[in-house]
């Protein structure tokens, strides 16, 4: 590791500034992971060092041996100030394998999710397994991230290659809070996989009784609302009488 790498790891801003001004190699990486000074500053949440390295022209898109860039690392660790600095510098929010938004949802870093969405990150991007950030949030039971995504208009019905939607996976994992968030947002309760599995059948098969009850209550409420709307009497239109002109005087 170089002196700049170590200074970035420890958050020694004065040292980072001095080394950068002296022309230290900003891309010199560690042998083990090929992480650059910018990677390691993001990992440890040293946002001032991050800003300094970016201002000096450090590569914000460099990949380490884990095939991740600095923004991904910052989102994984939940260092929102670092995320904000990288986004402000134009860091790429996409990744065909597992995007920064996916990793932020996995670890329930809500503030990072908000920053990414505000910067235009694709809320419905698919990872290598064909799963959206909302699916990831529901898989891990991170209700707060799920609600932020739903509020941003994330597709509730987007399914993975097996036909599983976020509601399916929330039911399988027993994530009642996420199930409730999806139901409240209007997710389809009857959506079925190619194998015929519905959210209710998934919850039932795994004995998630509270989720079964939640889904049954939601279906009953929707049916009642539908019947009320259909059977509501239509009032006859009323019209004001048309005045008849008086006969003209002779």
C-alpha atoms as a PDB file:
ATOM      1  CA  UNK A   1       0.000   0.000   0.000  1.00  0.00           C
ATOM      2  CA  UNK A   2       1.169   3.498  -0.789  1.00  0.00           C
ATOM      3  CA  UNK A   3       1.262   6.407   1.674  1.00  0.00           C
ATOM      4  CA  UNK A   4      -1.754   7.955  -0.105  1.00  0.00           C
ATOM      5  CA  UNK A   5      -3.718   4.713   0.235  1.00  0.00           C
ATOM      6  CA  UNK A   6      -2.957   4.501   3.952  1.00  0.00           C
ATOM      7  CA  UNK A   7      -3.775   8.173   4.527  1.00  0.00           C
ATOM      8  CA  UNK A   8      -7.101   7.689   2.714  1.00  0.00           C
ATOM      9  CA  UNK A   9      -7.859   4.610   4.781  1.00  0.00           C
ATOM     10  CA  UNK A  10      -7.235   6.454   8.034  1.00  0.00           C
ATOM     11  CA  UNK A  11      -8.962   9.662   6.973  1.00  0.00           C
ATOM     12  CA  UNK A  12      -5.894  11.838   7.418  1.00  0.00           C
ATOM     13  CA  UNK A  13      -7.049  14.761   5.313  1.00  0.00           C
ATOM     14  CA  UNK A  14      -3.912  16.863   5.747  1.00  0.00           C
ATOM     15  CA  UNK A  15      -1.730  13.980   4.614  1.00  0.00           C
ATOM     16  CA  UNK A  16      -3.982  13.225   1.656  1.00  0.00           C
ATOM     17  CA  UNK A  17      -3.837  16.853   0.569  1.00  0.00           C
ATOM     18  CA  UNK A  18      -0.049  16.997   0.874  1.00  0.00           C
ATOM     19  CA  UNK A  19       0.450  13.750  -1.026  1.00  0.00           C
ATOM     20  CA  UNK A  20      -1.947  14.716  -3.807  1.00  0.00           C
ATOM     21  CA  UNK A  21      -0.278  18.098  -4.196  1.00  0.00           C
ATOM     22  CA  UNK A  22       3.082  16.334  -4.349  1.00  0.00           C
ATOM     23  CA  UNK A  23       1.854  14.240  -7.264  1.00  0.00           C
ATOM     24  CA  UNK A  24       1.226  10.922  -5.541  1.00  0.00           C
ATOM     25  CA  UNK A  25      -0.332   8.242  -7.732  1.00  0.00           C
ATOM     26  CA  UNK A  26      -4.073   8.459  -7.097  1.00  0.00           C
ATOM     27  CA  UNK A  27      -4.727   5.069  -8.704  1.00  0.00           C
ATOM     28  CA  UNK A  28      -2.067   3.021  -6.922  1.00  0.00           C
ATOM     29  CA  UNK A  29      -4.049   0.140  -5.464  1.00  0.00           C
ATOM     30  CA  UNK A  30      -3.625  -2.507  -2.814  1.00  0.00           C
ATOM     31  CA  UNK A  31      -2.210  -5.819  -3.988  1.00  0.00           C
ATOM     32  CA  UNK A  32      -4.873  -7.928  -2.300  1.00  0.00           C
ATOM     33  CA  UNK A  33      -8.063  -6.328  -3.637  1.00  0.00           C
ATOM     34  CA  UNK A  34      -6.820  -3.753  -6.160  1.00  0.00           C
ATOM     35  CA  UNK A  35      -8.734  -1.119  -4.224  1.00  0.00           C
ATOM     36  CA  UNK A  36      -7.652   2.448  -4.927  1.00  0.00           C
ATOM     37  CA  UNK A  37      -7.341   5.268  -2.374  1.00  0.00           C
ATOM     38  CA  UNK A  38     -10.843   6.343  -3.436  1.00  0.00           C
ATOM     39  CA  UNK A  39     -12.225   2.862  -2.783  1.00  0.00           C
ATOM     40  CA  UNK A  40     -10.734   2.699   0.691  1.00  0.00           C
ATOM     41  CA  UNK A  41     -11.816   6.242   1.605  1.00  0.00           C
ATOM     42  CA  UNK A  42     -15.387   5.304   0.613  1.00  0.00           C
ATOM     43  CA  UNK A  43     -15.239   2.068   2.567  1.00  0.00           C
ATOM     44  CA  UNK A  44     -14.352   3.912   5.751  1.00  0.00           C
ATOM     45  CA  UNK A  45     -16.643   6.894   5.197  1.00  0.00           C
ATOM     46  CA  UNK A  46     -13.962   9.558   4.916  1.00  0.00           C
ATOM     47  CA  UNK A  47     -16.001  11.935   2.774  1.00  0.00           C
ATOM     48  CA  UNK A  48     -13.538  14.819   2.946  1.00  0.00           C
ATOM     49  CA  UNK A  49     -10.829  12.557   1.586  1.00  0.00           C
ATOM     50  CA  UNK A  50     -13.258  11.383  -1.089  1.00  0.00           C
ATOM     51  CA  UNK A  51     -13.954  14.954  -2.186  1.00  0.00           C
ATOM     52  CA  UNK A  52     -10.246  15.750  -2.212  1.00  0.00           C
ATOM     53  CA  UNK A  53      -9.399  12.714  -4.327  1.00  0.00           C
ATOM     54  CA  UNK A  54     -12.224  13.457  -6.747  1.00  0.00           C
ATOM     55  CA  UNK A  55     -11.127  17.068  -7.085  1.00  0.00           C
ATOM     56  CA  UNK A  56      -7.632  15.808  -7.885  1.00  0.00           C
ATOM     57  CA  UNK A  57      -9.009  13.653 -10.683  1.00  0.00           C
ATOM     58  CA  UNK A  58      -9.169  10.209  -9.085  1.00  0.00           C
ATOM     59  CA  UNK A  59     -10.974   7.644 -11.228  1.00  0.00           C
ATOM     60  CA  UNK A  60     -14.473   7.358  -9.784  1.00  0.00           C
ATOM     61  CA  UNK A  61     -15.284   4.334 -11.961  1.00  0.00           C
ATOM     62  CA  UNK A  62     -12.285   2.119 -11.172  1.00  0.00           C
ATOM     63  CA  UNK A  63     -13.073  -1.499 -10.322  1.00  0.00           C
ATOM     64  CA  UNK A  64     -11.357  -3.619  -7.715  1.00  0.00           C
ATOM     65  CA  UNK A  65     -11.024  -7.415  -7.696  1.00  0.00           C
ATOM     66  CA  UNK A  66     -14.628  -7.667  -6.483  1.00  0.00           C
ATOM     67  CA  UNK A  67     -15.689  -5.873  -9.688  1.00  0.00           C
ATOM     68  CA  UNK A  68     -17.164  -2.936  -7.783  1.00  0.00           C
ATOM     69  CA  UNK A  69     -16.507   0.788  -8.029  1.00  0.00           C
ATOM     70  CA  UNK A  70     -16.248   3.399  -5.245  1.00  0.00           C
ATOM     71  CA  UNK A  71     -19.949   4.356  -5.343  1.00  0.00           C
ATOM     72  CA  UNK A  72     -20.943   0.717  -4.827  1.00  0.00           C
ATOM     73  CA  UNK A  73     -18.611   0.481  -1.824  1.00  0.00           C
ATOM     74  CA  UNK A  74     -20.034   3.667  -0.295  1.00  0.00           C
ATOM     75  CA  UNK A  75     -23.594   2.367  -0.756  1.00  0.00           C
ATOM     76  CA  UNK A  76     -22.713  -1.000   0.742  1.00  0.00           C
ATOM     77  CA  UNK A  77     -21.362   0.683   3.861  1.00  0.00           C
ATOM     78  CA  UNK A  78     -24.094   3.316   4.034  1.00  0.00           C
ATOM     79  CA  UNK A  79     -21.776   6.318   3.930  1.00  0.00           C
ATOM     80  CA  UNK A  80     -24.248   8.801   2.508  1.00  0.00           C
ATOM     81  CA  UNK A  81     -21.856  11.774   2.477  1.00  0.00           C
ATOM     82  CA  UNK A  82     -19.471   9.773   0.293  1.00  0.00           C
ATOM     83  CA  UNK A  83     -22.373   8.716  -1.920  1.00  0.00           C
ATOM     84  CA  UNK A  84     -23.425  12.338  -2.295  1.00  0.00           C
ATOM     85  CA  UNK A  85     -19.886  13.414  -3.200  1.00  0.00           C
ATOM     86  CA  UNK A  86     -19.537  10.703  -5.834  1.00  0.00           C
ATOM     87  CA  UNK A  87     -22.938  11.402  -7.354  1.00  0.00           C
ATOM     88  CA  UNK A  88     -22.104  15.091  -7.435  1.00  0.00           C
ATOM     89  CA  UNK A  89     -18.999  14.200  -9.418  1.00  0.00           C
ATOM     90  CA  UNK A  90     -21.101  12.236 -11.900  1.00  0.00           C
ATOM     91  CA  UNK A  91     -20.436   8.677 -10.759  1.00  0.00           C
ATOM     92  CA  UNK A  92     -22.255   6.001 -12.742  1.00  0.00           C
ATOM     93  CA  UNK A  93     -25.238   4.547 -10.875  1.00  0.00           C
ATOM     94  CA  UNK A  94     -25.570   1.484 -13.104  1.00  0.00           C
ATOM     95  CA  UNK A  95     -24.083  -1.975 -12.811  1.00  0.00           C
ATOM     96  CA  UNK A  96     -25.380  -4.936 -14.798  1.00  0.00           C
ATOM     97  CA  UNK A  97     -24.362  -7.379 -12.052  1.00  0.00           C
ATOM     98  CA  UNK A  98     -25.636  -5.685  -8.894  1.00  0.00           C
ATOM     99  CA  UNK A  99     -26.216  -1.953  -8.910  1.00  0.00           C
ATOM    100  CA  UNK A 100     -25.435   0.521  -6.106  1.00  0.00           C
ATOM    101  CA  UNK A 101     -29.200   0.770  -5.569  1.00  0.00           C
ATOM    102  CA  UNK A 102     -29.433  -2.989  -5.093  1.00  0.00           C
ATOM    103  CA  UNK A 103     -26.665  -3.071  -2.498  1.00  0.00           C
ATOM    104  CA  UNK A 104     -28.109  -0.072  -0.633  1.00  0.00           C
ATOM    105  CA  UNK A 105     -31.483  -1.853  -0.485  1.00  0.00           C
ATOM    106  CA  UNK A 106     -29.865  -5.074   0.680  1.00  0.00           C
ATOM    107  CA  UNK A 107     -28.269  -3.336   3.641  1.00  0.00           C
ATOM    108  CA  UNK A 108     -31.238  -1.049   4.366  1.00  0.00           C
ATOM    109  CA  UNK A 109     -29.352   2.195   3.812  1.00  0.00           C
ATOM    110  CA  UNK A 110     -32.418   4.346   3.212  1.00  0.00           C
ATOM    111  CA  UNK A 111     -30.573   7.660   2.922  1.00  0.00           C
ATOM    112  CA  UNK A 112     -28.350   6.195   0.203  1.00  0.00           C
ATOM    113  CA  UNK A 113     -31.416   4.893  -1.628  1.00  0.00           C
ATOM    114  CA  UNK A 114     -32.918   8.383  -1.601  1.00  0.00           C
ATOM    115  CA  UNK A 115     -29.693   9.948  -2.889  1.00  0.00           C
ATOM    116  CA  UNK A 116     -29.444   7.425  -5.713  1.00  0.00           C
ATOM    117  CA  UNK A 117     -33.048   7.903  -6.775  1.00  0.00           C
ATOM    118  CA  UNK A 118     -32.667  11.679  -6.687  1.00  0.00           C
ATOM    119  CA  UNK A 119     -29.633  11.321  -8.956  1.00  0.00           C
ATOM    120  CA  UNK A 120     -31.669   9.353 -11.482  1.00  0.00           C
ATOM    121  CA  UNK A 121     -30.705   5.772 -10.644  1.00  0.00           C
ATOM    122  CA  UNK A 122     -32.919   3.233 -12.405  1.00  0.00           C
ATOM    123  CA  UNK A 123     -35.425   2.122  -9.767  1.00  0.00           C
ATOM    124  CA  UNK A 124     -36.364  -0.937 -11.833  1.00  0.00           C
ATOM    125  CA  UNK A 125     -32.888  -2.068 -12.898  1.00  0.00           C
ATOM    126  CA  UNK A 126     -32.391  -5.830 -12.990  1.00  0.00           C
ATOM    127  CA  UNK A 127     -29.377  -7.466 -11.400  1.00  0.00           C
ATOM    128  CA  UNK A 128     -27.629 -10.560 -12.782  1.00  0.00           C
ATOM    129  CA  UNK A 129     -30.496 -12.695 -11.444  1.00  0.00           C
ATOM    130  CA  UNK A 130     -33.223 -10.567 -13.007  1.00  0.00           C
ATOM    131  CA  UNK A 131     -34.288  -9.015  -9.700  1.00  0.00           C
ATOM    132  CA  UNK A 132     -35.156  -5.361  -9.123  1.00  0.00           C
ATOM    133  CA  UNK A 133     -34.103  -3.226  -6.134  1.00  0.00           C
ATOM    134  CA  UNK A 134     -37.650  -3.551  -4.765  1.00  0.00           C
ATOM    135  CA  UNK A 135     -37.380  -7.334  -4.958  1.00  0.00           C
ATOM    136  CA  UNK A 136     -34.059  -7.123  -3.091  1.00  0.00           C
ATOM    137  CA  UNK A 137     -35.503  -4.880  -0.380  1.00  0.00           C
ATOM    138  CA  UNK A 138     -38.406  -7.294   0.112  1.00  0.00           C
ATOM    139  CA  UNK A 139     -36.149 -10.343   0.127  1.00  0.00           C
ATOM    140  CA  UNK A 140     -34.134  -8.898   2.996  1.00  0.00           C
ATOM    141  CA  UNK A 141     -37.181  -7.479   4.763  1.00  0.00           C
ATOM    142  CA  UNK A 142     -36.144  -3.852   4.517  1.00  0.00           C
ATOM    143  CA  UNK A 143     -39.513  -2.136   4.656  1.00  0.00           C
ATOM    144  CA  UNK A 144     -38.177   1.427   4.750  1.00  0.00           C
ATOM    145  CA  UNK A 145     -36.289   0.967   1.482  1.00  0.00           C
ATOM    146  CA  UNK A 146     -39.288  -0.771  -0.060  1.00  0.00           C
ATOM    147  CA  UNK A 147     -41.552   2.144   0.833  1.00  0.00           C
ATOM    148  CA  UNK A 148     -39.092   4.683  -0.598  1.00  0.00           C
ATOM    149  CA  UNK A 149     -38.973   2.721  -3.852  1.00  0.00           C
ATOM    150  CA  UNK A 150     -42.752   2.383  -3.959  1.00  0.00           C
ATOM    151  CA  UNK A 151     -43.080   6.108  -3.369  1.00  0.00           C
ATOM    152  CA  UNK A 152     -40.761   6.679  -6.322  1.00  0.00           C
ATOM    153  CA  UNK A 153     -42.998   4.551  -8.540  1.00  0.00           C
ATOM    154  CA  UNK A 154     -41.047   1.298  -8.623  1.00  0.00           C
ATOM    155  CA  UNK A 155     -42.733  -1.480 -10.583  1.00  0.00           C
ATOM    156  CA  UNK A 156     -44.457  -3.742  -8.048  1.00  0.00           C
ATOM    157  CA  UNK A 157     -45.210  -6.425 -10.624  1.00  0.00           C
ATOM    158  CA  UNK A 158     -41.727  -6.814 -12.118  1.00  0.00           C
ATOM    159  CA  UNK A 159     -40.814 -10.477 -11.806  1.00  0.00           C
ATOM    160  CA  UNK A 160     -37.609 -12.471 -11.936  1.00  0.00           C
ATOM    161  CA  UNK A 161     -37.079 -15.208 -14.562  1.00  0.00           C
ATOM    162  CA  UNK A 162     -39.045 -17.655 -12.383  1.00  0.00           C
ATOM    163  CA  UNK A 163     -42.040 -15.316 -12.331  1.00  0.00           C
ATOM    164  CA  UNK A 164     -41.616 -14.244  -8.714  1.00  0.00           C
ATOM    165  CA  UNK A 165     -42.683 -10.690  -7.884  1.00  0.00           C
ATOM    166  CA  UNK A 166     -41.634  -8.660  -4.832  1.00  0.00           C
ATOM    167  CA  UNK A 167     -44.850  -9.777  -3.135  1.00  0.00           C
ATOM    168  CA  UNK A 168     -44.062 -13.433  -3.784  1.00  0.00           C
ATOM    169  CA  UNK A 169     -40.618 -13.157  -2.234  1.00  0.00           C
ATOM    170  CA  UNK A 170     -41.835 -11.104   0.725  1.00  0.00           C
ATOM    171  CA  UNK A 171     -44.379 -13.850   1.427  1.00  0.00           C
ATOM    172  CA  UNK A 172     -41.800 -16.599   1.094  1.00  0.00           C
ATOM    173  CA  UNK A 173     -39.352 -14.883   3.418  1.00  0.00           C
ATOM    174  CA  UNK A 174     -42.028 -14.036   5.976  1.00  0.00           C
ATOM    175  CA  UNK A 175     -41.480 -10.283   5.619  1.00  0.00           C
ATOM    176  CA  UNK A 176     -44.842  -9.116   6.891  1.00  0.00           C
ATOM    177  CA  UNK A 177     -43.986  -5.400   6.957  1.00  0.00           C
ATOM    178  CA  UNK A 178     -42.941  -5.531   3.304  1.00  0.00           C
ATOM    179  CA  UNK A 179     -46.068  -7.489   2.399  1.00  0.00           C
ATOM    180  CA  UNK A 180     -48.147  -4.806   4.072  1.00  0.00           C
ATOM    181  CA  UNK A 181     -46.310  -2.031   2.213  1.00  0.00           C
ATOM    182  CA  UNK A 182     -46.883  -3.760  -1.129  1.00  0.00           C
ATOM    183  CA  UNK A 183     -50.543  -4.455  -0.395  1.00  0.00           C
ATOM    184  CA  UNK A 184     -51.121  -0.849   0.644  1.00  0.00           C
ATOM    185  CA  UNK A 185     -49.487   0.293  -2.588  1.00  0.00           C
ATOM    186  CA  UNK A 186     -51.891  -1.850  -4.606  1.00  0.00           C
ATOM    187  CA  UNK A 187     -49.749  -4.832  -5.599  1.00  0.00           C
ATOM    188  CA  UNK A 188     -51.626  -7.642  -7.331  1.00  0.00           C
ATOM    189  CA  UNK A 189     -52.711 -10.348  -4.891  1.00  0.00           C
ATOM    190  CA  UNK A 190     -53.620 -12.843  -7.598  1.00  0.00           C
ATOM    191  CA  UNK A 191     -50.438 -12.730  -9.677  1.00  0.00           C
ATOM    192  CA  UNK A 192     -49.267 -16.253 -10.407  1.00  0.00           C
ATOM    193  CA  UNK A 193     -45.918 -17.747 -11.374  1.00  0.00           C
ATOM    194  CA  UNK A 194     -45.692 -20.139 -14.345  1.00  0.00           C
ATOM    195  CA  UNK A 195     -45.855 -22.934 -11.759  1.00  0.00           C
ATOM    196  CA  UNK A 196     -49.135 -21.577 -10.400  1.00  0.00           C
ATOM    197  CA  UNK A 197     -47.862 -20.090  -7.146  1.00  0.00           C
ATOM    198  CA  UNK A 198     -49.678 -17.019  -5.847  1.00  0.00           C
ATOM    199  CA  UNK A 199     -48.507 -14.884  -2.923  1.00  0.00           C
ATOM    200  CA  UNK A 200     -51.228 -16.441  -0.773  1.00  0.00           C
ATOM    201  CA  UNK A 201     -50.296 -20.012  -1.674  1.00  0.00           C
ATOM    202  CA  UNK A 202     -46.636 -19.289  -0.946  1.00  0.00           C
ATOM    203  CA  UNK A 203     -47.418 -17.837   2.481  1.00  0.00           C
ATOM    204  CA  UNK A 204     -49.831 -20.696   3.212  1.00  0.00           C
ATOM    205  CA  UNK A 205     -47.321 -23.404   2.268  1.00  0.00           C
ATOM    206  CA  UNK A 206     -44.739 -21.963   4.654  1.00  0.00           C
ATOM    207  CA  UNK A 207     -47.206 -21.455   7.501  1.00  0.00           C
ATOM    208  CA  UNK A 208     -46.785 -17.679   7.612  1.00  0.00           C
ATOM    209  CA  UNK A 209     -50.208 -17.363   9.215  1.00  0.00           C
ATOM    210  CA  UNK A 210     -50.130 -13.629   9.909  1.00  0.00           C
ATOM    211  CA  UNK A 211     -49.295 -12.952   6.267  1.00  0.00           C
ATOM    212  CA  UNK A 212     -52.033 -15.334   5.121  1.00  0.00           C
ATOM    213  CA  UNK A 213     -54.506 -13.399   7.249  1.00  0.00           C
ATOM    214  CA  UNK A 214     -53.205 -10.071   5.946  1.00  0.00           C
ATOM    215  CA  UNK A 215     -53.624 -11.174   2.331  1.00  0.00           C
ATOM    216  CA  UNK A 216     -57.082 -12.611   2.936  1.00  0.00           C
ATOM    217  CA  UNK A 217     -58.215  -9.426   4.654  1.00  0.00           C
ATOM    218  CA  UNK A 218     -56.786  -7.324   1.836  1.00  0.00           C
ATOM    219  CA  UNK A 219     -58.551  -9.415  -0.797  1.00  0.00           C
ATOM    220  CA  UNK A 220     -61.842  -9.174   1.097  1.00  0.00           C
ATOM    221  CA  UNK A 221     -61.477  -5.401   1.385  1.00  0.00           C
ATOM    222  CA  UNK A 222     -60.757  -5.058  -2.324  1.00  0.00           C
ATOM    223  CA  UNK A 223     -63.724  -7.241  -3.237  1.00  0.00           C
ATOM    224  CA  UNK A 224     -66.013  -5.232  -0.964  1.00  0.00           C
ATOM    225  CA  UNK A 225     -64.794  -1.990  -2.509  1.00  0.00           C
ATOM    226  CA  UNK A 226     -65.336  -3.396  -5.999  1.00  0.00           C
ATOM    227  CA  UNK A 227     -68.878  -4.588  -5.252  1.00  0.00           C
ATOM    228  CA  UNK A 228     -69.751  -1.276  -3.628  1.00  0.00           C
ATOM    229  CA  UNK A 229     -68.550   0.592  -6.694  1.00  0.00           C
ATOM    230  CA  UNK A 230     -70.471  -1.706  -9.065  1.00  0.00           C
ATOM    231  CA  UNK A 231     -73.731  -1.726  -7.101  1.00  0.00           C
ATOM    232  CA  UNK A 232     -73.815   1.973  -6.305  1.00  0.00           C
ATOM    233  CA  UNK A 233     -77.125   3.286  -7.699  1.00  0.00           C
ATOM    234  CA  UNK A 234     -76.881   5.729 -10.526  1.00  0.00           C
ATOM    235  CA  UNK A 235     -79.078   8.750  -9.882  1.00  0.00           C
ATOM    236  CA  UNK A 236     -81.326   9.968 -12.654  1.00  0.00           C
ATOM    237  CA  UNK A 237     -80.066  13.141 -14.232  1.00  0.00           C
ATOM    238  CA  UNK A 238     -82.100  16.207 -13.455  1.00  0.00           C
ATOM    239  CA  UNK A 239     -82.654  19.008 -15.870  1.00  0.00           C
ATOM    240  CA  UNK A 240     -83.797  22.537 -15.227  1.00  0.00           C
ATOM    241  CA  UNK A 241     -87.120  23.306 -16.956  1.00  0.00           C
ATOM    242  CA  UNK A 242     -86.804  25.170 -20.204  1.00  0.00           C
ATOM    243  CA  UNK A 243     -88.699  28.446 -19.979  1.00  0.00           C
ATOM    244  CA  UNK A 244     -91.535  28.774 -22.503  1.00  0.00           C
ATOM    245  CA  UNK A 245     -91.737  32.237 -24.033  1.00  0.00           C
ATOM    246  CA  UNK A 246     -95.013  34.107 -23.480  1.00  0.00           C
ATOM    247  CA  UNK A 247     -97.199  34.584 -26.563  1.00  0.00           C
ATOM    248  CA  UNK A 248     -96.641  37.875 -28.255  1.00  0.00           C
ATOM    249  CA  UNK A 249     -99.231  40.528 -27.487  1.00  0.00           C
ATOM    250  CA  UNK A 250    -101.645  41.292 -30.406  1.00  0.00           C
END
